[in-house]
C-alpha atoms as a PDB file:
ATOM      1  CA  MET A   1       0.000   0.000   0.000  1.00  0.00           C
ATOM      2  CA  SER A   2       1.252   3.481  -0.859  1.00  0.00           C
ATOM      3  CA  GLN A   3       2.345   5.731   1.996  1.00  0.00           C
ATOM      4  CA  TYR A   4      -0.232   8.256   0.795  1.00  0.00           C
ATOM      5  CA  ARG A   5      -3.243   5.973   1.210  1.00  0.00           C
ATOM      6  CA  THR A   6      -3.505   6.877   4.878  1.00  0.00           C
ATOM      7  CA  HIS A   7      -2.566  10.550   4.594  1.00  0.00           C
ATOM      8  CA  LEU A   8      -2.663  12.630   1.432  1.00  0.00           C
ATOM      9  CA  PRO A   9       0.103  15.256   1.594  1.00  0.00           C
ATOM     10  CA  GLN A  10      -2.061  17.878  -0.127  1.00  0.00           C
ATOM     11  CA  LEU A  11      -4.261  17.906   2.972  1.00  0.00           C
ATOM     12  CA  ASP A  12      -1.423  19.668   4.800  1.00  0.00           C
ATOM     13  CA  ASP A  13      -2.160  22.788   2.675  1.00  0.00           C
ATOM     14  CA  ALA A  14       1.135  22.887   0.765  1.00  0.00           C
ATOM     15  CA  LEU A  15       0.698  23.943  -2.860  1.00  0.00           C
ATOM     16  CA  PHE A  16       0.133  21.146  -5.390  1.00  0.00           C
ATOM     17  CA  MET A  17      -0.409  21.386  -9.118  1.00  0.00           C
ATOM     18  CA  THR A  18      -2.094  19.063 -11.597  1.00  0.00           C
ATOM     19  CA  ASP A  19      -1.909  18.968 -15.374  1.00  0.00           C
ATOM     20  CA  GLY A  20      -3.991  20.978 -17.829  1.00  0.00           C
ATOM     21  CA  GLY A  21      -6.628  19.909 -20.318  1.00  0.00           C
ATOM     22  CA  ILE A  22      -5.196  16.611 -21.524  1.00  0.00           C
ATOM     23  CA  GLU A  23      -7.828  15.926 -24.175  1.00  0.00           C
ATOM     24  CA  THR A  24      -7.801  19.391 -25.739  1.00  0.00           C
ATOM     25  CA  THR A  25      -3.988  19.434 -25.666  1.00  0.00           C
ATOM     26  CA  LEU A  26      -3.732  16.093 -27.460  1.00  0.00           C
ATOM     27  CA  ILE A  27      -6.416  16.931 -30.006  1.00  0.00           C
ATOM     28  CA  PHE A  28      -5.691  20.571 -30.840  1.00  0.00           C
ATOM     29  CA  HIS A  29      -1.965  20.910 -30.134  1.00  0.00           C
ATOM     30  CA  GLU A  30      -0.716  17.448 -31.075  1.00  0.00           C
ATOM     31  CA  GLY A  31      -3.252  16.513 -33.747  1.00  0.00           C
ATOM     32  CA  ILE A  32      -4.184  13.206 -32.132  1.00  0.00           C
ATOM     33  CA  GLU A  33      -7.633  11.762 -32.720  1.00  0.00           C
ATOM     34  CA  LEU A  34      -9.370  10.802 -29.491  1.00  0.00           C
ATOM     35  CA  PRO A  35     -12.602   8.917 -30.191  1.00  0.00           C
ATOM     36  CA  CYS A  36     -15.200   9.804 -27.560  1.00  0.00           C
ATOM     37  CA  PHE A  37     -12.649  12.212 -26.019  1.00  0.00           C
ATOM     38  CA  ALA A  38     -11.003   9.131 -24.482  1.00  0.00           C
ATOM     39  CA  ALA A  39      -7.310   9.630 -23.732  1.00  0.00           C
ATOM     40  CA  PHE A  40      -7.058   6.143 -22.217  1.00  0.00           C
ATOM     41  CA  ASP A  41      -7.495   4.660 -25.692  1.00  0.00           C
ATOM     42  CA  LEU A  42      -3.882   5.670 -26.434  1.00  0.00           C
ATOM     43  CA  LEU A  43      -2.711   3.046 -23.935  1.00  0.00           C
ATOM     44  CA  LYS A  44      -3.574   0.268 -26.384  1.00  0.00           C
ATOM     45  CA  ASP A  45      -0.170   0.497 -28.061  1.00  0.00           C
ATOM     46  CA  ALA A  46       3.405   1.537 -27.301  1.00  0.00           C
ATOM     47  CA  ALA A  47       3.310   4.682 -29.438  1.00  0.00           C
ATOM     48  CA  GLY A  48       0.197   6.023 -27.734  1.00  0.00           C
ATOM     49  CA  THR A  49       1.552   5.172 -24.300  1.00  0.00           C
ATOM     50  CA  ALA A  50       4.750   7.055 -25.115  1.00  0.00           C
ATOM     51  CA  ARG A  51       2.732  10.137 -26.130  1.00  0.00           C
ATOM     52  CA  LEU A  52       0.919  10.081 -22.803  1.00  0.00           C
ATOM     53  CA  GLU A  53       4.137   9.591 -20.861  1.00  0.00           C
ATOM     54  CA  THR A  54       5.702  12.577 -22.629  1.00  0.00           C
ATOM     55  CA  TYR A  55       2.631  14.635 -21.726  1.00  0.00           C
ATOM     56  CA  PHE A  56       2.836  13.807 -18.017  1.00  0.00           C
ATOM     57  CA  ARG A  57       6.604  14.166 -17.868  1.00  0.00           C
ATOM     58  CA  ARG A  58       6.251  17.789 -18.984  1.00  0.00           C
ATOM     59  CA  TYR A  59       4.061  18.567 -15.962  1.00  0.00           C
ATOM     60  CA  ALA A  60       6.264  16.587 -13.598  1.00  0.00           C
ATOM     61  CA  GLY A  61       9.217  18.643 -14.785  1.00  0.00           C
ATOM     62  CA  LEU A  62       7.243  21.848 -14.224  1.00  0.00           C
ATOM     63  CA  ALA A  63       6.315  20.808 -10.677  1.00  0.00           C
ATOM     64  CA  ARG A  64       9.941  19.995  -9.911  1.00  0.00           C
ATOM     65  CA  SER A  65      11.157  23.320 -11.303  1.00  0.00           C
ATOM     66  CA  GLU A  66       8.514  25.160  -9.242  1.00  0.00           C
ATOM     67  CA  GLY A  67       9.411  23.172  -6.113  1.00  0.00           C
ATOM     68  CA  ILE A  68       5.801  22.205  -5.405  1.00  0.00           C
ATOM     69  CA  GLY A  69       3.784  19.014  -5.129  1.00  0.00           C
ATOM     70  CA  LEU A  70       2.022  17.281  -8.005  1.00  0.00           C
ATOM     71  CA  VAL A  71      -1.194  15.291  -8.278  1.00  0.00           C
ATOM     72  CA  LEU A  72      -0.943  13.070 -11.336  1.00  0.00           C
ATOM     73  CA  GLU A  73      -4.441  12.291 -12.624  1.00  0.00           C
ATOM     74  CA  ALA A  74      -4.625   9.067 -14.626  1.00  0.00           C
ATOM     75  CA  PRO A  75      -5.898   9.501 -18.212  1.00  0.00           C
ATOM     76  CA  THR A  76      -8.922   7.346 -17.334  1.00  0.00           C
ATOM     77  CA  TRP A  77     -11.729   9.933 -17.277  1.00  0.00           C
ATOM     78  CA  ARG A  78     -13.586   7.978 -19.978  1.00  0.00           C
ATOM     79  CA  ALA A  79     -12.472   4.498 -18.841  1.00  0.00           C
ATOM     80  CA  ASN A  80     -15.827   3.371 -17.471  1.00  0.00           C
ATOM     81  CA  ALA A  81     -18.241   0.733 -18.746  1.00  0.00           C
ATOM     82  CA  ASP A  82     -20.506   2.776 -21.047  1.00  0.00           C
ATOM     83  CA  TRP A  83     -17.733   4.716 -22.769  1.00  0.00           C
ATOM     84  CA  GLY A  84     -15.517   1.639 -22.934  1.00  0.00           C
ATOM     85  CA  ARG A  85     -18.322  -0.274 -24.638  1.00  0.00           C
ATOM     86  CA  LYS A  86     -18.682   2.468 -27.258  1.00  0.00           C
ATOM     87  CA  LEU A  87     -14.984   2.087 -28.002  1.00  0.00           C
ATOM     88  CA  GLY A  88     -15.179  -1.703 -28.247  1.00  0.00           C
ATOM     89  CA  TYR A  89     -13.545  -2.563 -24.908  1.00  0.00           C
ATOM     90  CA  SER A  90     -14.524  -5.658 -22.973  1.00  0.00           C
ATOM     91  CA  ALA A  91     -14.666  -5.436 -19.182  1.00  0.00           C
ATOM     92  CA  GLU A  92     -11.293  -7.180 -18.980  1.00  0.00           C
ATOM     93  CA  ALA A  93      -9.658  -4.864 -21.535  1.00  0.00           C
ATOM     94  CA  LEU A  94     -11.068  -1.820 -19.763  1.00  0.00           C
ATOM     95  CA  ALA A  95      -9.677  -2.957 -16.415  1.00  0.00           C
ATOM     96  CA  GLU A  96      -6.288  -3.513 -18.043  1.00  0.00           C
ATOM     97  CA  ALA A  97      -6.345   0.018 -19.491  1.00  0.00           C
ATOM     98  CA  ASN A  98      -6.960   1.413 -16.015  1.00  0.00           C
ATOM     99  CA  ARG A  99      -4.033  -0.591 -14.650  1.00  0.00           C
ATOM    100  CA  ARG A 100      -1.742   0.524 -17.470  1.00  0.00           C
ATOM    101  CA  ALA A 101      -2.642   4.147 -16.804  1.00  0.00           C
ATOM    102  CA  ILE A 102      -1.507   3.876 -13.202  1.00  0.00           C
ATOM    103  CA  ASP A 103       1.644   2.005 -14.196  1.00  0.00           C
ATOM    104  CA  LEU A 104       2.521   4.895 -16.519  1.00  0.00           C
ATOM    105  CA  LEU A 105       2.143   7.419 -13.694  1.00  0.00           C
ATOM    106  CA  VAL A 106       4.229   5.263 -11.354  1.00  0.00           C
ATOM    107  CA  ARG A 107       7.090   5.460 -13.862  1.00  0.00           C
ATOM    108  CA  VAL A 108       6.790   9.251 -13.967  1.00  0.00           C
ATOM    109  CA  ARG A 109       6.668   9.466 -10.176  1.00  0.00           C
ATOM    110  CA  ASP A 110       9.732   7.252  -9.781  1.00  0.00           C
ATOM    111  CA  GLU A 111      11.718   9.609 -11.989  1.00  0.00           C
ATOM    112  CA  PHE A 112      10.551  13.000 -10.721  1.00  0.00           C
ATOM    113  CA  GLU A 113       9.493  12.722  -7.065  1.00  0.00           C
ATOM    114  CA  SER A 114      11.669  14.490  -4.495  1.00  0.00           C
ATOM    115  CA  PRO A 115      11.270  15.889  -0.963  1.00  0.00           C
ATOM    116  CA  ASP A 116      10.278  19.247  -2.479  1.00  0.00           C
ATOM    117  CA  THR A 117       7.968  17.639  -5.025  1.00  0.00           C
ATOM    118  CA  PRO A 118       5.827  14.921  -3.449  1.00  0.00           C
ATOM    119  CA  ILE A 119       3.764  13.184  -6.124  1.00  0.00           C
ATOM    120  CA  VAL A 120       0.297  11.744  -5.528  1.00  0.00           C
ATOM    121  CA  ILE A 121      -1.155   9.292  -8.047  1.00  0.00           C
ATOM    122  CA  SER A 122      -4.891   9.697  -8.539  1.00  0.00           C
ATOM    123  CA  GLY A 123      -7.229   7.270 -10.265  1.00  0.00           C
ATOM    124  CA  CYS A 124      -9.438   9.546 -12.349  1.00  0.00           C
ATOM    125  CA  LEU A 125     -13.126   8.832 -12.959  1.00  0.00           C
ATOM    126  CA  GLY A 126     -15.541  10.692 -15.197  1.00  0.00           C
ATOM    127  CA  PRO A 127     -19.321  10.815 -15.354  1.00  0.00           C
ATOM    128  CA  ARG A 128     -21.278   7.922 -16.766  1.00  0.00           C
ATOM    129  CA  GLY A 129     -22.805  10.220 -19.358  1.00  0.00           C
ATOM    130  CA  ASP A 130     -21.912  13.523 -20.935  1.00  0.00           C
ATOM    131  CA  GLY A 131     -19.714  15.879 -18.929  1.00  0.00           C
ATOM    132  CA  TYR A 132     -21.743  18.955 -19.886  1.00  0.00           C
ATOM    133  CA  ARG A 133     -25.360  17.830 -19.575  1.00  0.00           C
ATOM    134  CA  ILE A 134     -27.432  15.177 -17.839  1.00  0.00           C
ATOM    135  CA  ASP A 135     -28.657  12.569 -20.319  1.00  0.00           C
ATOM    136  CA  SER A 136     -29.932  10.238 -17.602  1.00  0.00           C
ATOM    137  CA  ARG A 137     -29.777  10.462 -13.835  1.00  0.00           C
ATOM    138  CA  MET A 138     -28.781   7.616 -11.534  1.00  0.00           C
ATOM    139  CA  THR A 139     -29.772   7.212  -7.919  1.00  0.00           C
ATOM    140  CA  ARG A 140     -27.035   7.180  -5.310  1.00  0.00           C
ATOM    141  CA  GLU A 141     -27.166   3.394  -5.189  1.00  0.00           C
ATOM    142  CA  GLU A 142     -27.052   3.051  -8.976  1.00  0.00           C
ATOM    143  CA  ALA A 143     -24.082   5.404  -9.163  1.00  0.00           C
ATOM    144  CA  ARG A 144     -22.192   3.400  -6.566  1.00  0.00           C
ATOM    145  CA  ALA A 145     -22.838   0.143  -8.416  1.00  0.00           C
ATOM    146  CA  TYR A 146     -21.890   1.680 -11.763  1.00  0.00           C
ATOM    147  CA  HIS A 147     -18.561   3.162 -10.664  1.00  0.00           C
ATOM    148  CA  GLN A 148     -17.583   0.339  -8.301  1.00  0.00           C
ATOM    149  CA  PRO A 149     -15.804  -1.839 -10.920  1.00  0.00           C
ATOM    150  CA  GLN A 150     -13.458   0.954 -12.012  1.00  0.00           C
ATOM    151  CA  ILE A 151     -12.749   1.906  -8.400  1.00  0.00           C
ATOM    152  CA  ASP A 152     -12.126  -1.741  -7.495  1.00  0.00           C
ATOM    153  CA  THR A 153      -9.568  -1.960 -10.298  1.00  0.00           C
ATOM    154  CA  LEU A 154      -7.826   1.275  -9.313  1.00  0.00           C
ATOM    155  CA  ALA A 155      -7.799   0.337  -5.619  1.00  0.00           C
ATOM    156  CA  ALA A 156      -5.744  -2.734  -6.479  1.00  0.00           C
ATOM    157  CA  THR A 157      -3.029  -0.591  -8.112  1.00  0.00           C
ATOM    158  CA  GLU A 158      -0.536   1.906  -6.693  1.00  0.00           C
ATOM    159  CA  ALA A 159      -3.085   4.731  -6.969  1.00  0.00           C
ATOM    160  CA  ASP A 160      -3.124   6.799  -3.776  1.00  0.00           C
ATOM    161  CA  MET A 161      -6.645   8.131  -4.211  1.00  0.00           C
ATOM    162  CA  ILE A 162      -9.704   8.339  -6.424  1.00  0.00           C
ATOM    163  CA  ALA A 163     -10.910  11.571  -8.043  1.00  0.00           C
ATOM    164  CA  ALA A 164     -14.139  11.996  -9.995  1.00  0.00           C
ATOM    165  CA  PHE A 165     -14.254  14.957 -12.378  1.00  0.00           C
ATOM    166  CA  THR A 166     -16.956  16.856 -14.255  1.00  0.00           C
ATOM    167  CA  ILE A 167     -19.756  15.539 -12.044  1.00  0.00           C
ATOM    168  CA  THR A 168     -23.032  17.166 -13.057  1.00  0.00           C
ATOM    169  CA  TYR A 169     -25.464  16.172 -10.300  1.00  0.00           C
ATOM    170  CA  PRO A 170     -25.200  15.256  -6.608  1.00  0.00           C
ATOM    171  CA  GLU A 171     -26.272  11.602  -6.616  1.00  0.00           C
ATOM    172  CA  GLU A 172     -23.451  10.522  -8.918  1.00  0.00           C
ATOM    173  CA  GLY A 173     -20.839  12.229  -6.757  1.00  0.00           C
ATOM    174  CA  ILE A 174     -22.250  10.704  -3.578  1.00  0.00           C
ATOM    175  CA  GLY A 175     -22.342   7.266  -5.194  1.00  0.00           C
ATOM    176  CA  VAL A 176     -18.654   7.588  -6.100  1.00  0.00           C
ATOM    177  CA  ILE A 177     -17.865   8.492  -2.487  1.00  0.00           C
ATOM    178  CA  ASP A 178     -19.719   5.378  -1.317  1.00  0.00           C
ATOM    179  CA  ALA A 179     -17.823   3.177  -3.776  1.00  0.00           C
ATOM    180  CA  ALA A 180     -14.441   4.615  -2.793  1.00  0.00           C
ATOM    181  CA  ARG A 181     -15.267   4.286   0.890  1.00  0.00           C
ATOM    182  CA  SER A 182     -16.050   0.595   0.443  1.00  0.00           C
ATOM    183  CA  ARG A 183     -12.439   0.126  -0.684  1.00  0.00           C
ATOM    184  CA  ALA A 184     -10.977   2.495   1.932  1.00  0.00           C
ATOM    185  CA  MET A 185      -9.717   4.781  -0.833  1.00  0.00           C
ATOM    186  CA  PRO A 186      -9.406   8.539  -0.248  1.00  0.00           C
ATOM    187  CA  VAL A 187     -11.593  10.376  -2.743  1.00  0.00           C
ATOM    188  CA  ALA A 188     -12.060  13.873  -4.146  1.00  0.00           C
ATOM    189  CA  ILE A 189     -15.167  14.920  -6.043  1.00  0.00           C
ATOM    190  CA  SER A 190     -14.995  17.680  -8.640  1.00  0.00           C
ATOM    191  CA  PHE A 191     -18.196  19.302  -9.859  1.00  0.00           C
ATOM    192  CA  THR A 192     -18.625  21.183 -13.099  1.00  0.00           C
ATOM    193  CA  LEU A 193     -20.594  24.416 -13.063  1.00  0.00           C
ATOM    194  CA  GLU A 194     -22.582  26.425 -15.580  1.00  0.00           C
ATOM    195  CA  THR A 195     -22.168  30.153 -16.216  1.00  0.00           C
ATOM    196  CA  ASP A 196     -24.534  30.855 -13.282  1.00  0.00           C
ATOM    197  CA  GLY A 197     -22.278  28.972 -10.853  1.00  0.00           C
ATOM    198  CA  ARG A 198     -24.718  26.069 -10.471  1.00  0.00           C
ATOM    199  CA  LEU A 199     -24.304  22.438 -11.439  1.00  0.00           C
ATOM    200  CA  PRO A 200     -25.970  21.403 -14.727  1.00  0.00           C
ATOM    201  CA  SER A 201     -28.633  19.813 -12.497  1.00  0.00           C
ATOM    202  CA  GLY A 202     -29.523  23.296 -11.233  1.00  0.00           C
ATOM    203  CA  ASP A 203     -28.247  22.560  -7.731  1.00  0.00           C
ATOM    204  CA  ALA A 204     -26.204  25.147  -5.860  1.00  0.00           C
ATOM    205  CA  LEU A 205     -22.605  24.097  -5.198  1.00  0.00           C
ATOM    206  CA  ARG A 206     -22.931  24.855  -1.502  1.00  0.00           C
ATOM    207  CA  ASP A 207     -26.040  22.687  -1.192  1.00  0.00           C
ATOM    208  CA  VAL A 208     -24.411  19.765  -3.009  1.00  0.00           C
ATOM    209  CA  ILE A 209     -21.255  19.814  -0.890  1.00  0.00           C
ATOM    210  CA  GLU A 210     -23.209  20.097   2.354  1.00  0.00           C
ATOM    211  CA  ARG A 211     -25.546  17.309   1.259  1.00  0.00           C
ATOM    212  CA  ALA A 212     -22.688  15.016   0.241  1.00  0.00           C
ATOM    213  CA  ASP A 213     -20.919  15.563   3.556  1.00  0.00           C
ATOM    214  CA  ALA A 214     -24.103  15.031   5.550  1.00  0.00           C
ATOM    215  CA  GLN A 215     -24.942  11.771   3.760  1.00  0.00           C
ATOM    216  CA  THR A 216     -21.410  10.292   3.830  1.00  0.00           C
ATOM    217  CA  ASP A 217     -20.079  11.463   7.220  1.00  0.00           C
ATOM    218  CA  ALA A 218     -17.834  13.892   5.292  1.00  0.00           C
ATOM    219  CA  TYR A 219     -15.823  10.950   3.924  1.00  0.00           C
ATOM    220  CA  ALA A 220     -14.534  12.825   0.856  1.00  0.00           C
ATOM    221  CA  ALA A 221     -11.002  14.140   1.375  1.00  0.00           C
ATOM    222  CA  TYR A 222     -12.031  17.343  -0.380  1.00  0.00           C
ATOM    223  CA  TYR A 223     -14.028  18.798  -3.265  1.00  0.00           C
ATOM    224  CA  MET A 224     -13.003  20.551  -6.444  1.00  0.00           C
ATOM    225  CA  ILE A 225     -14.432  22.576  -9.328  1.00  0.00           C
ATOM    226  CA  ASN A 226     -13.481  21.832 -12.922  1.00  0.00           C
ATOM    227  CA  CYS A 227     -14.454  22.568 -16.520  1.00  0.00           C
ATOM    228  CA  ALA A 228     -15.766  26.078 -15.827  1.00  0.00           C
ATOM    229  CA  HIS A 229     -14.155  29.506 -16.113  1.00  0.00           C
ATOM    230  CA  PRO A 230     -13.489  31.436 -12.858  1.00  0.00           C
ATOM    231  CA  SER A 231     -15.906  34.150 -13.981  1.00  0.00           C
ATOM    232  CA  HIS A 232     -18.672  31.543 -13.897  1.00  0.00           C
ATOM    233  CA  PHE A 233     -18.372  30.780 -10.188  1.00  0.00           C
ATOM    234  CA  GLU A 234     -16.423  33.507  -8.380  1.00  0.00           C
ATOM    235  CA  THR A 235     -19.655  35.212  -7.280  1.00  0.00           C
ATOM    236  CA  VAL A 236     -20.909  31.965  -5.736  1.00  0.00           C
ATOM    237  CA  LEU A 237     -17.720  31.637  -3.711  1.00  0.00           C
ATOM    238  CA  GLY A 238     -17.988  35.247  -2.611  1.00  0.00           C
ATOM    239  CA  ASP A 239     -21.187  34.451  -0.707  1.00  0.00           C
ATOM    240  CA  GLY A 240     -19.089  33.009   2.116  1.00  0.00           C
ATOM    241  CA  GLY A 241     -19.788  30.048   4.366  1.00  0.00           C
ATOM    242  CA  ALA A 242     -17.787  27.330   6.110  1.00  0.00           C
ATOM    243  CA  TRP A 243     -18.499  24.943   3.212  1.00  0.00           C
ATOM    244  CA  ARG A 244     -15.770  26.698   1.248  1.00  0.00           C
ATOM    245  CA  ASP A 245     -13.180  25.062   3.530  1.00  0.00           C
ATOM    246  CA  ARG A 246     -14.020  21.771   1.823  1.00  0.00           C
ATOM    247  CA  VAL A 247     -13.007  23.073  -1.621  1.00  0.00           C
ATOM    248  CA  HIS A 248      -9.282  22.395  -2.075  1.00  0.00           C
ATOM    249  CA  GLY A 249      -9.000  22.303  -5.850  1.00  0.00           C
ATOM    250  CA  ILE A 250      -9.731  24.235  -9.032  1.00  0.00           C
ATOM    251  CA  ARG A 251      -9.162  23.029 -12.598  1.00  0.00           C
ATOM    252  CA  ALA A 252     -10.697  25.828 -14.625  1.00  0.00           C
ATOM    253  CA  ASN A 253     -11.247  26.243 -18.338  1.00  0.00           C
ATOM    254  CA  ALA A 254      -9.229  28.813 -20.245  1.00  0.00           C
ATOM    255  CA  SER A 255     -12.374  29.897 -22.100  1.00  0.00           C
ATOM    256  CA  ARG A 256     -15.271  31.977 -20.820  1.00  0.00           C
ATOM    257  CA  LEU A 257     -17.623  30.139 -23.193  1.00  0.00           C
ATOM    258  CA  SER A 258     -20.554  28.178 -21.805  1.00  0.00           C
ATOM    259  CA  HIS A 259     -20.624  24.389 -22.056  1.00  0.00           C
ATOM    260  CA  ALA A 260     -23.096  24.630 -24.938  1.00  0.00           C
ATOM    261  CA  GLU A 261     -20.817  27.033 -26.804  1.00  0.00           C
ATOM    262  CA  LEU A 262     -17.762  24.856 -26.185  1.00  0.00           C
ATOM    263  CA  ASP A 263     -19.656  21.858 -27.566  1.00  0.00           C
ATOM    264  CA  GLU A 264     -20.219  23.730 -30.825  1.00  0.00           C
ATOM    265  CA  ALA A 265     -16.753  25.289 -31.099  1.00  0.00           C
ATOM    266  CA  ALA A 266     -14.599  24.064 -33.989  1.00  0.00           C
ATOM    267  CA  ASP A 267     -11.444  25.842 -32.791  1.00  0.00           C
ATOM    268  CA  LEU A 268      -9.679  25.829 -29.440  1.00  0.00           C
ATOM    269  CA  ASP A 269     -10.234  28.856 -27.195  1.00  0.00           C
ATOM    270  CA  ASP A 270      -7.110  28.862 -25.033  1.00  0.00           C
ATOM    271  CA  GLY A 271      -7.745  32.242 -23.438  1.00  0.00           C
ATOM    272  CA  ASN A 272      -4.856  34.103 -21.816  1.00  0.00           C
ATOM    273  CA  PRO A 273      -2.554  32.174 -19.437  1.00  0.00           C
ATOM    274  CA  GLU A 274      -1.485  35.243 -17.442  1.00  0.00           C
ATOM    275  CA  GLU A 275      -5.057  36.434 -17.057  1.00  0.00           C
ATOM    276  CA  LEU A 276      -6.115  32.977 -15.865  1.00  0.00           C
ATOM    277  CA  GLY A 277      -3.283  32.979 -13.346  1.00  0.00           C
ATOM    278  CA  ALA A 278      -4.468  36.332 -11.993  1.00  0.00           C
ATOM    279  CA  GLN A 279      -7.997  34.940 -11.652  1.00  0.00           C
ATOM    280  CA  TYR A 280      -6.684  32.007  -9.622  1.00  0.00           C
ATOM    281  CA  ARG A 281      -4.865  34.458  -7.400  1.00  0.00           C
ATOM    282  CA  ALA A 282      -8.186  36.199  -6.758  1.00  0.00           C
ATOM    283  CA  LEU A 283      -9.872  32.853  -6.045  1.00  0.00           C
ATOM    284  CA  ASN A 284      -7.216  32.187  -3.424  1.00  0.00           C
ATOM    285  CA  GLY A 285      -8.789  34.963  -1.364  1.00  0.00           C
ATOM    286  CA  LEU A 286     -12.236  33.347  -1.614  1.00  0.00           C
ATOM    287  CA  LEU A 287     -11.273  29.741  -0.857  1.00  0.00           C
ATOM    288  CA  PRO A 288      -9.346  29.427   2.431  1.00  0.00           C
ATOM    289  CA  ARG A 289      -8.042  25.898   1.639  1.00  0.00           C
ATOM    290  CA  LEU A 290      -7.330  26.225  -2.078  1.00  0.00           C
ATOM    291  CA  ASN A 291      -4.060  24.407  -2.770  1.00  0.00           C
ATOM    292  CA  VAL A 292      -4.585  21.941  -5.655  1.00  0.00           C
ATOM    293  CA  VAL A 293      -4.535  23.865  -8.924  1.00  0.00           C
ATOM    294  CA  GLY A 294      -4.422  23.005 -12.601  1.00  0.00           C
ATOM    295  CA  GLY A 295      -6.431  23.412 -15.755  1.00  0.00           C
ATOM    296  CA  CYS A 296      -9.182  21.868 -17.820  1.00  0.00           C
ATOM    297  CA  CYS A 297     -10.403  22.489 -21.381  1.00  0.00           C
ATOM    298  CA  GLY A 298      -8.127  24.734 -23.431  1.00  0.00           C
ATOM    299  CA  THR A 299      -5.314  24.862 -20.873  1.00  0.00           C
ATOM    300  CA  ASP A 300      -1.800  23.480 -21.210  1.00  0.00           C
ATOM    301  CA  HIS A 301       1.572  23.803 -19.456  1.00  0.00           C
ATOM    302  CA  ARG A 302       1.645  27.567 -20.142  1.00  0.00           C
ATOM    303  CA  HIS A 303      -1.564  28.116 -18.200  1.00  0.00           C
ATOM    304  CA  VAL A 304      -0.570  25.805 -15.348  1.00  0.00           C
ATOM    305  CA  GLY A 305       2.793  27.543 -15.081  1.00  0.00           C
ATOM    306  CA  ALA A 306       1.108  30.943 -14.858  1.00  0.00           C
ATOM    307  CA  ILE A 307      -1.362  29.603 -12.290  1.00  0.00           C
ATOM    308  CA  CYS A 308       1.432  28.181 -10.121  1.00  0.00           C
ATOM    309  CA  SER A 309       3.368  31.454 -10.216  1.00  0.00           C
ATOM    310  CA  ALA A 310       0.278  33.436  -9.276  1.00  0.00           C
ATOM    311  CA  MET A 311      -0.659  31.061  -6.469  1.00  0.00           C
ATOM    312  CA  LYS A 312       2.865  31.070  -5.033  1.00  0.00           C
ATOM    313  CA  GLY A 313       2.754  34.861  -5.016  1.00  0.00           C
ATOM    314  CA  ALA A 314      -0.666  34.961  -3.370  1.00  0.00           C
ATOM    315  CA  ARG A 315       0.268  32.438  -0.676  1.00  0.00           C
ATOM    316  CA  GLY A 316       3.532  34.277   0.045  1.00  0.00           C
ATOM    317  CA  GLN A 317       1.661  37.546   0.365  1.00  0.00           C
ATOM    318  CA  TYR A 318      -0.769  35.921   2.785  1.00  0.00           C
ATOM    319  CA  ALA A 319       2.040  34.459   4.887  1.00  0.00           C
ATOM    320  CA  ASN A 320       3.769  37.843   5.076  1.00  0.00           C
ATOM    321  CA  ALA A 321       0.516  39.449   6.179  1.00  0.00           C
ATOM    322  CA  ILE A 322       0.261  37.004   9.062  1.00  0.00           C
END
């Protein structure tokens, strides 16, 4: 068992980074076709695996140069039963893809981890359906049963934790927490938000986090926000409340476009890395425990570098003020 299974180092509030938008980077910057937006499909051969390893090594090198921690998210966001079936994967082949993804990250960790750059390996889950809208809605129990096989596979690897991204409604997130808890795996849940700061389900972020904690004895290690621009949710965070202490991570989009607009966009909107970094710095003042930062759609190493620089400056300013 990994040393981080019992205590995740990012819970000590030191700054950690993640990667950027892996799918948009591979598609728009590297010209790679990703059927169903599924990065894990590259693991089926040596050439694709090498492309993924090069991608993650770039971020590991950035974390080491910045002297901060790194959460490596496995490229398994689409590696669940429904999406795997669309891509022609059997249950056995899908489980093997999940294992290969973690093995890849272990190799990166072995090369880049240091006392100044602790590296956490996270088994990444995505929603059963679309990441932008709710095609069908599972109950809590259905969500647990659906995500359990992928979590069971990841729990048997060297993954330190589970993280579910782009969750669009509360029951799916709570079901993932239940499934992770059954395997004693730390878990983070990341919700996506619309331009009004609410989940696609219409639920308020505060209500969803408080409900999830109440129904699971606050088992989740922390919560995150991803696949939304800071301008979409900064007002929601400004309302205050102790629930904000449970939000440790942000992986924002570079674009201000809505999910519907992004779905229709033919070209990549990669925004402005320095501007995005400044927006993260402002978010640091709204989220007392914000310390896991990276990017989502449209972001790459330039954006994550700018975000890390801005966050280091903000945290240093705060420490000096104390």
